[in-house]
């Protein structure tokens, strides 16, 4: 971050919210989170995954940086749309219950954050 003080939205945040009907192990959640980050273009970035249950279901928060080790900003154009496409694909790949638009889906936050239902 010291190498790039012009970038304002340096933090990437995503919330992955599996359906309460999907019973996933920690290993499955870890695998899904890793694949999600790879496909979002943040796979080489340091990131941390938090699992918790402050709502009716367990869900993940993933936090990373949008600036690489050389101070270059990672592209994040159309990040929310790209995230939703990846999540729909992961739902199909892992046989998860699809999210229903407008019901349990979390709204996308401003450009600094991407929150989605998985």
N, C-alpha and C. Protein backbone atom coordinates (compact mmCIF):
# COMPACT_ATOMS: atom_id res chain seq x y z
N UNK A 1 0.82 -1.20 0.00
CA UNK A 1 0.00 0.00 0.00
C UNK A 1 0.85 1.26 0.00
N UNK A 2 2.04 1.17 0.61
CA UNK A 2 2.94 2.32 0.63
C UNK A 2 3.38 2.72 -0.78
N UNK A 3 3.46 1.74 -1.69
CA UNK A 3 3.91 2.02 -3.06
C UNK A 3 2.83 2.66 -3.92
N UNK A 4 1.61 2.70 -3.44
CA UNK A 4 0.53 3.26 -4.23
C UNK A 4 -0.44 3.99 -3.30
N UNK A 5 -0.22 5.27 -3.14
CA UNK A 5 -1.07 6.06 -2.26
C UNK A 5 -2.24 6.70 -3.02
N UNK A 6 -2.27 6.56 -4.35
CA UNK A 6 -3.36 7.17 -5.14
C UNK A 6 -4.62 6.31 -5.16
N UNK A 7 -4.47 5.02 -4.99
CA UNK A 7 -5.62 4.13 -5.02
C UNK A 7 -6.43 4.30 -3.75
N UNK A 8 -7.72 4.54 -3.91
CA UNK A 8 -8.56 4.79 -2.74
C UNK A 8 -9.26 3.52 -2.24
N UNK A 9 -9.72 2.65 -3.12
CA UNK A 9 -10.42 1.43 -2.71
C UNK A 9 -9.43 0.27 -2.71
N UNK A 10 -8.63 0.20 -1.68
CA UNK A 10 -7.54 -0.79 -1.63
C UNK A 10 -7.98 -2.14 -1.06
N UNK A 11 -9.12 -2.19 -0.39
CA UNK A 11 -9.55 -3.41 0.27
C UNK A 11 -10.66 -4.10 -0.53
N UNK A 12 -10.51 -5.40 -0.71
CA UNK A 12 -11.54 -6.23 -1.33
C UNK A 12 -12.23 -6.99 -0.22
N UNK A 13 -13.57 -6.98 -0.23
CA UNK A 13 -14.34 -7.73 0.76
C UNK A 13 -15.48 -8.44 0.05
N UNK A 14 -15.63 -9.72 0.32
CA UNK A 14 -16.77 -10.48 -0.22
C UNK A 14 -17.37 -11.29 0.92
N UNK A 15 -18.67 -11.43 0.87
CA UNK A 15 -19.38 -12.27 1.83
C UNK A 15 -20.06 -13.38 1.03
N UNK A 16 -19.69 -14.63 1.30
CA UNK A 16 -20.27 -15.78 0.60
C UNK A 16 -21.24 -16.44 1.56
N UNK A 17 -22.49 -16.52 1.15
CA UNK A 17 -23.57 -16.96 2.02
C UNK A 17 -24.28 -18.19 1.46
N UNK A 18 -23.80 -19.38 1.78
CA UNK A 18 -24.50 -20.58 1.32
C UNK A 18 -25.89 -20.67 1.93
N UNK A 19 -26.76 -21.36 1.24
CA UNK A 19 -28.11 -21.59 1.76
C UNK A 19 -28.02 -22.37 3.06
N UNK A 20 -28.91 -22.12 4.01
CA UNK A 20 -28.91 -22.91 5.25
C UNK A 20 -29.11 -24.40 4.98
N UNK A 21 -29.70 -24.74 3.83
CA UNK A 21 -29.92 -26.14 3.48
C UNK A 21 -28.65 -26.83 3.00
N UNK A 22 -27.64 -26.06 2.61
CA UNK A 22 -26.37 -26.62 2.16
C UNK A 22 -25.47 -26.83 3.37
N UNK A 23 -25.23 -28.06 3.70
CA UNK A 23 -24.36 -28.41 4.84
C UNK A 23 -22.95 -28.65 4.31
N UNK A 24 -22.10 -27.66 4.46
CA UNK A 24 -20.74 -27.73 3.92
C UNK A 24 -19.72 -27.86 5.05
N UNK A 25 -18.70 -28.70 4.82
CA UNK A 25 -17.62 -28.84 5.78
C UNK A 25 -16.68 -27.64 5.66
N UNK A 26 -15.83 -27.49 6.66
CA UNK A 26 -14.83 -26.42 6.59
C UNK A 26 -13.95 -26.59 5.37
N UNK A 27 -13.59 -27.83 5.03
CA UNK A 27 -12.74 -28.08 3.87
C UNK A 27 -13.45 -27.68 2.58
N UNK A 28 -14.74 -27.99 2.47
CA UNK A 28 -15.49 -27.59 1.28
C UNK A 28 -15.57 -26.07 1.18
N UNK A 29 -15.83 -25.41 2.30
CA UNK A 29 -15.88 -23.95 2.30
C UNK A 29 -14.53 -23.36 1.92
N UNK A 30 -13.46 -23.93 2.43
CA UNK A 30 -12.11 -23.46 2.11
C UNK A 30 -11.84 -23.60 0.61
N UNK A 31 -12.24 -24.73 0.04
CA UNK A 31 -12.02 -24.98 -1.39
C UNK A 31 -12.83 -23.99 -2.23
N UNK A 32 -14.07 -23.77 -1.88
CA UNK A 32 -14.92 -22.83 -2.61
C UNK A 32 -14.36 -21.41 -2.51
N UNK A 33 -13.93 -21.01 -1.32
CA UNK A 33 -13.36 -19.67 -1.14
C UNK A 33 -12.10 -19.50 -1.98
N UNK A 34 -11.24 -20.51 -2.00
CA UNK A 34 -10.01 -20.44 -2.80
C UNK A 34 -10.30 -20.35 -4.29
N UNK A 35 -11.25 -21.16 -4.75
CA UNK A 35 -11.61 -21.13 -6.17
C UNK A 35 -12.24 -19.78 -6.53
N UNK A 36 -13.07 -19.28 -5.63
CA UNK A 36 -13.69 -17.98 -5.86
C UNK A 36 -12.61 -16.89 -6.02
N UNK A 37 -11.64 -16.88 -5.11
CA UNK A 37 -10.59 -15.86 -5.17
C UNK A 37 -9.74 -16.00 -6.43
N UNK A 38 -9.41 -17.23 -6.82
CA UNK A 38 -8.66 -17.45 -8.07
C UNK A 38 -9.41 -16.86 -9.25
N UNK A 39 -10.66 -17.21 -9.36
CA UNK A 39 -11.44 -16.79 -10.52
C UNK A 39 -11.73 -15.29 -10.50
N UNK A 40 -11.74 -14.68 -9.33
CA UNK A 40 -11.92 -13.23 -9.24
C UNK A 40 -10.64 -12.48 -9.59
N UNK A 41 -9.51 -13.20 -9.69
CA UNK A 41 -8.25 -12.55 -10.02
C UNK A 41 -7.42 -12.17 -8.80
N UNK A 42 -7.83 -12.64 -7.62
CA UNK A 42 -7.14 -12.32 -6.38
C UNK A 42 -6.42 -13.53 -5.79
N UNK A 43 -6.26 -14.58 -6.57
CA UNK A 43 -5.66 -15.82 -6.06
C UNK A 43 -4.23 -15.68 -5.59
N UNK A 44 -3.49 -14.75 -6.18
CA UNK A 44 -2.09 -14.55 -5.78
C UNK A 44 -1.94 -13.51 -4.68
N UNK A 45 -3.03 -12.88 -4.31
CA UNK A 45 -3.02 -11.88 -3.25
C UNK A 45 -3.14 -12.56 -1.89
N UNK A 46 -2.57 -11.96 -0.86
CA UNK A 46 -2.84 -12.48 0.48
C UNK A 46 -4.31 -12.21 0.80
N UNK A 47 -4.96 -13.17 1.40
CA UNK A 47 -6.35 -12.96 1.82
C UNK A 47 -6.63 -13.80 3.05
N UNK A 48 -7.67 -13.40 3.74
CA UNK A 48 -8.07 -14.11 4.95
C UNK A 48 -9.57 -14.42 4.82
N UNK A 49 -9.93 -15.60 5.32
CA UNK A 49 -11.33 -16.05 5.27
C UNK A 49 -11.82 -16.22 6.70
N UNK A 50 -12.93 -15.57 7.02
CA UNK A 50 -13.58 -15.70 8.32
C UNK A 50 -14.90 -16.43 8.14
N UNK A 51 -15.14 -17.44 8.95
CA UNK A 51 -16.43 -18.12 8.94
C UNK A 51 -17.13 -17.78 10.24
N UNK A 52 -18.38 -17.38 10.14
CA UNK A 52 -19.13 -17.13 11.37
C UNK A 52 -20.62 -17.22 11.12
N UNK A 53 -21.35 -17.10 12.20
CA UNK A 53 -22.81 -17.25 12.14
C UNK A 53 -23.45 -16.14 12.97
N UNK A 54 -23.51 -14.95 12.38
CA UNK A 54 -24.19 -13.85 13.07
C UNK A 54 -25.60 -13.65 12.51
N UNK A 55 -25.95 -14.48 11.53
CA UNK A 55 -27.31 -14.54 11.00
C UNK A 55 -27.73 -16.00 11.09
N UNK A 56 -28.85 -16.38 10.49
CA UNK A 56 -29.37 -17.74 10.67
C UNK A 56 -28.50 -18.84 10.05
N UNK A 57 -27.48 -18.48 9.32
CA UNK A 57 -26.63 -19.50 8.68
C UNK A 57 -25.16 -19.13 8.78
N UNK A 58 -24.32 -20.14 8.66
CA UNK A 58 -22.88 -19.88 8.60
C UNK A 58 -22.57 -19.26 7.25
N UNK A 59 -21.64 -18.35 7.26
CA UNK A 59 -21.22 -17.74 6.01
C UNK A 59 -19.76 -17.29 6.14
N UNK A 60 -19.20 -16.92 5.01
CA UNK A 60 -17.79 -16.54 4.95
C UNK A 60 -17.64 -15.07 4.61
N UNK A 61 -16.63 -14.47 5.19
CA UNK A 61 -16.17 -13.16 4.77
C UNK A 61 -14.74 -13.35 4.29
N UNK A 62 -14.45 -12.80 3.13
CA UNK A 62 -13.10 -12.88 2.57
C UNK A 62 -12.61 -11.45 2.40
N UNK A 63 -11.41 -11.20 2.91
CA UNK A 63 -10.82 -9.86 2.82
C UNK A 63 -9.45 -9.98 2.19
N UNK A 64 -9.18 -9.10 1.23
CA UNK A 64 -7.89 -9.08 0.55
C UNK A 64 -7.56 -7.64 0.16
N UNK A 65 -6.53 -7.49 -0.66
CA UNK A 65 -6.09 -6.18 -1.12
C UNK A 65 -6.23 -6.06 -2.62
N UNK A 66 -6.53 -4.87 -3.09
CA UNK A 66 -6.62 -4.61 -4.53
C UNK A 66 -5.32 -4.02 -5.07
N UNK A 67 -4.28 -4.03 -4.29
CA UNK A 67 -2.97 -3.52 -4.70
C UNK A 67 -1.97 -4.65 -4.53
N UNK A 68 -1.18 -4.94 -5.59
CA UNK A 68 -0.21 -6.03 -5.50
C UNK A 68 1.06 -5.59 -4.78
N UNK A 69 2.01 -6.52 -4.67
CA UNK A 69 3.24 -6.25 -3.90
C UNK A 69 4.10 -5.15 -4.52
N UNK A 70 3.86 -4.82 -5.80
CA UNK A 70 4.61 -3.75 -6.46
C UNK A 70 3.86 -2.42 -6.46
N UNK A 71 2.71 -2.40 -5.80
CA UNK A 71 1.93 -1.17 -5.73
C UNK A 71 0.98 -0.97 -6.89
N UNK A 72 0.86 -1.97 -7.76
CA UNK A 72 -0.04 -1.86 -8.90
C UNK A 72 -1.46 -2.23 -8.49
N UNK A 73 -2.40 -1.41 -8.90
CA UNK A 73 -3.80 -1.68 -8.61
C UNK A 73 -4.30 -2.82 -9.48
N UNK A 74 -4.96 -3.77 -8.87
CA UNK A 74 -5.55 -4.88 -9.62
C UNK A 74 -6.83 -4.41 -10.28
N UNK A 75 -7.11 -4.86 -11.49
CA UNK A 75 -8.35 -4.43 -12.14
C UNK A 75 -9.57 -4.96 -11.40
N UNK A 76 -10.57 -4.10 -11.25
CA UNK A 76 -11.80 -4.56 -10.61
C UNK A 76 -13.04 -4.00 -11.30
N UNK A 77 -12.91 -3.75 -12.61
CA UNK A 77 -14.07 -3.31 -13.39
C UNK A 77 -15.12 -4.41 -13.40
N UNK A 78 -16.35 -4.05 -13.24
CA UNK A 78 -17.48 -4.98 -13.26
C UNK A 78 -17.31 -6.11 -12.24
N UNK A 79 -16.68 -5.80 -11.12
CA UNK A 79 -16.38 -6.80 -10.10
C UNK A 79 -17.64 -7.48 -9.55
N UNK A 80 -18.67 -6.73 -9.26
CA UNK A 80 -19.89 -7.31 -8.70
C UNK A 80 -20.54 -8.27 -9.69
N UNK A 81 -20.62 -7.87 -10.95
CA UNK A 81 -21.23 -8.74 -11.96
C UNK A 81 -20.39 -10.01 -12.17
N UNK A 82 -19.08 -9.83 -12.23
CA UNK A 82 -18.17 -10.97 -12.38
C UNK A 82 -18.30 -11.91 -11.19
N UNK A 83 -18.40 -11.36 -10.00
CA UNK A 83 -18.56 -12.16 -8.79
C UNK A 83 -19.83 -13.00 -8.86
N UNK A 84 -20.93 -12.40 -9.27
CA UNK A 84 -22.20 -13.13 -9.35
C UNK A 84 -22.13 -14.26 -10.36
N UNK A 85 -21.47 -14.03 -11.49
CA UNK A 85 -21.31 -15.08 -12.50
C UNK A 85 -20.51 -16.25 -11.93
N UNK A 86 -19.44 -15.94 -11.22
CA UNK A 86 -18.61 -16.99 -10.61
C UNK A 86 -19.42 -17.76 -9.57
N UNK A 87 -20.16 -17.05 -8.74
CA UNK A 87 -20.95 -17.71 -7.70
C UNK A 87 -22.02 -18.61 -8.29
N UNK A 88 -22.69 -18.17 -9.35
CA UNK A 88 -23.70 -19.04 -10.00
C UNK A 88 -23.02 -20.31 -10.52
N UNK A 89 -21.84 -20.16 -11.10
CA UNK A 89 -21.11 -21.32 -11.61
C UNK A 89 -20.68 -22.25 -10.48
N UNK A 90 -20.22 -21.69 -9.37
CA UNK A 90 -19.82 -22.51 -8.21
C UNK A 90 -21.03 -23.24 -7.62
N UNK A 91 -22.18 -22.58 -7.60
CA UNK A 91 -23.40 -23.25 -7.11
C UNK A 91 -23.69 -24.49 -7.95
N UNK A 92 -23.59 -24.35 -9.27
CA UNK A 92 -23.84 -25.49 -10.15
C UNK A 92 -22.77 -26.57 -9.96
N UNK A 93 -21.52 -26.15 -9.94
CA UNK A 93 -20.40 -27.09 -9.83
C UNK A 93 -20.48 -27.93 -8.56
N UNK A 94 -20.82 -27.31 -7.44
CA UNK A 94 -20.83 -27.99 -6.15
C UNK A 94 -22.22 -28.48 -5.74
N UNK A 95 -23.21 -28.36 -6.63
CA UNK A 95 -24.54 -28.85 -6.35
C UNK A 95 -25.23 -28.13 -5.20
N UNK A 96 -25.00 -26.83 -5.08
CA UNK A 96 -25.59 -26.03 -4.01
C UNK A 96 -26.94 -25.48 -4.43
N UNK A 97 -27.75 -25.15 -3.45
CA UNK A 97 -29.03 -24.53 -3.74
C UNK A 97 -28.79 -23.17 -4.39
N UNK A 98 -29.45 -22.91 -5.50
CA UNK A 98 -29.25 -21.61 -6.15
C UNK A 98 -29.86 -20.48 -5.33
N UNK A 99 -29.21 -19.34 -5.36
CA UNK A 99 -29.78 -18.19 -4.67
C UNK A 99 -30.94 -17.66 -5.51
N UNK A 100 -31.91 -17.11 -4.85
CA UNK A 100 -33.09 -16.58 -5.53
C UNK A 100 -33.02 -15.07 -5.47
N UNK A 101 -32.95 -14.45 -6.61
CA UNK A 101 -32.80 -13.00 -6.68
C UNK A 101 -33.91 -12.32 -5.89
N UNK A 102 -33.48 -11.42 -4.99
CA UNK A 102 -34.43 -10.64 -4.23
C UNK A 102 -34.84 -11.25 -2.91
N UNK A 103 -34.54 -12.52 -2.66
CA UNK A 103 -34.93 -13.11 -1.39
C UNK A 103 -33.76 -13.07 -0.42
N UNK A 104 -32.89 -14.09 -0.41
CA UNK A 104 -31.83 -14.11 0.59
C UNK A 104 -30.52 -13.54 0.07
N UNK A 105 -30.51 -13.01 -1.11
CA UNK A 105 -29.29 -12.49 -1.70
C UNK A 105 -28.90 -11.18 -1.02
N UNK A 106 -27.62 -11.04 -0.70
CA UNK A 106 -27.13 -9.83 -0.07
C UNK A 106 -26.83 -8.79 -1.14
N UNK A 107 -27.16 -7.56 -0.89
CA UNK A 107 -26.91 -6.50 -1.85
C UNK A 107 -25.42 -6.23 -1.98
N UNK A 108 -25.00 -5.83 -3.17
CA UNK A 108 -23.61 -5.46 -3.40
C UNK A 108 -23.36 -4.10 -2.78
N UNK A 109 -22.26 -3.99 -2.07
CA UNK A 109 -21.89 -2.74 -1.43
C UNK A 109 -21.20 -1.83 -2.44
N UNK A 110 -20.83 -0.63 -2.03
CA UNK A 110 -20.11 0.27 -2.92
C UNK A 110 -18.83 -0.39 -3.46
N UNK A 111 -18.14 0.23 -4.40
CA UNK A 111 -17.01 -0.39 -5.08
C UNK A 111 -15.97 -1.05 -4.18
N UNK A 112 -15.87 -0.66 -2.93
CA UNK A 112 -14.84 -1.24 -2.07
C UNK A 112 -15.20 -2.66 -1.62
N UNK A 113 -16.45 -3.09 -1.80
CA UNK A 113 -16.88 -4.38 -1.28
C UNK A 113 -17.73 -5.12 -2.29
N UNK A 114 -17.67 -6.44 -2.21
CA UNK A 114 -18.52 -7.28 -3.05
C UNK A 114 -19.13 -8.34 -2.16
N UNK A 115 -20.42 -8.26 -1.92
CA UNK A 115 -21.10 -9.21 -1.04
C UNK A 115 -22.10 -10.01 -1.86
N UNK A 116 -22.01 -11.32 -1.76
CA UNK A 116 -22.86 -12.15 -2.58
C UNK A 116 -23.31 -13.39 -1.84
N UNK A 117 -24.40 -13.93 -2.33
CA UNK A 117 -24.88 -15.21 -1.80
C UNK A 117 -24.27 -16.31 -2.63
N UNK A 118 -23.87 -17.35 -1.98
CA UNK A 118 -23.33 -18.53 -2.65
C UNK A 118 -24.27 -19.67 -2.40
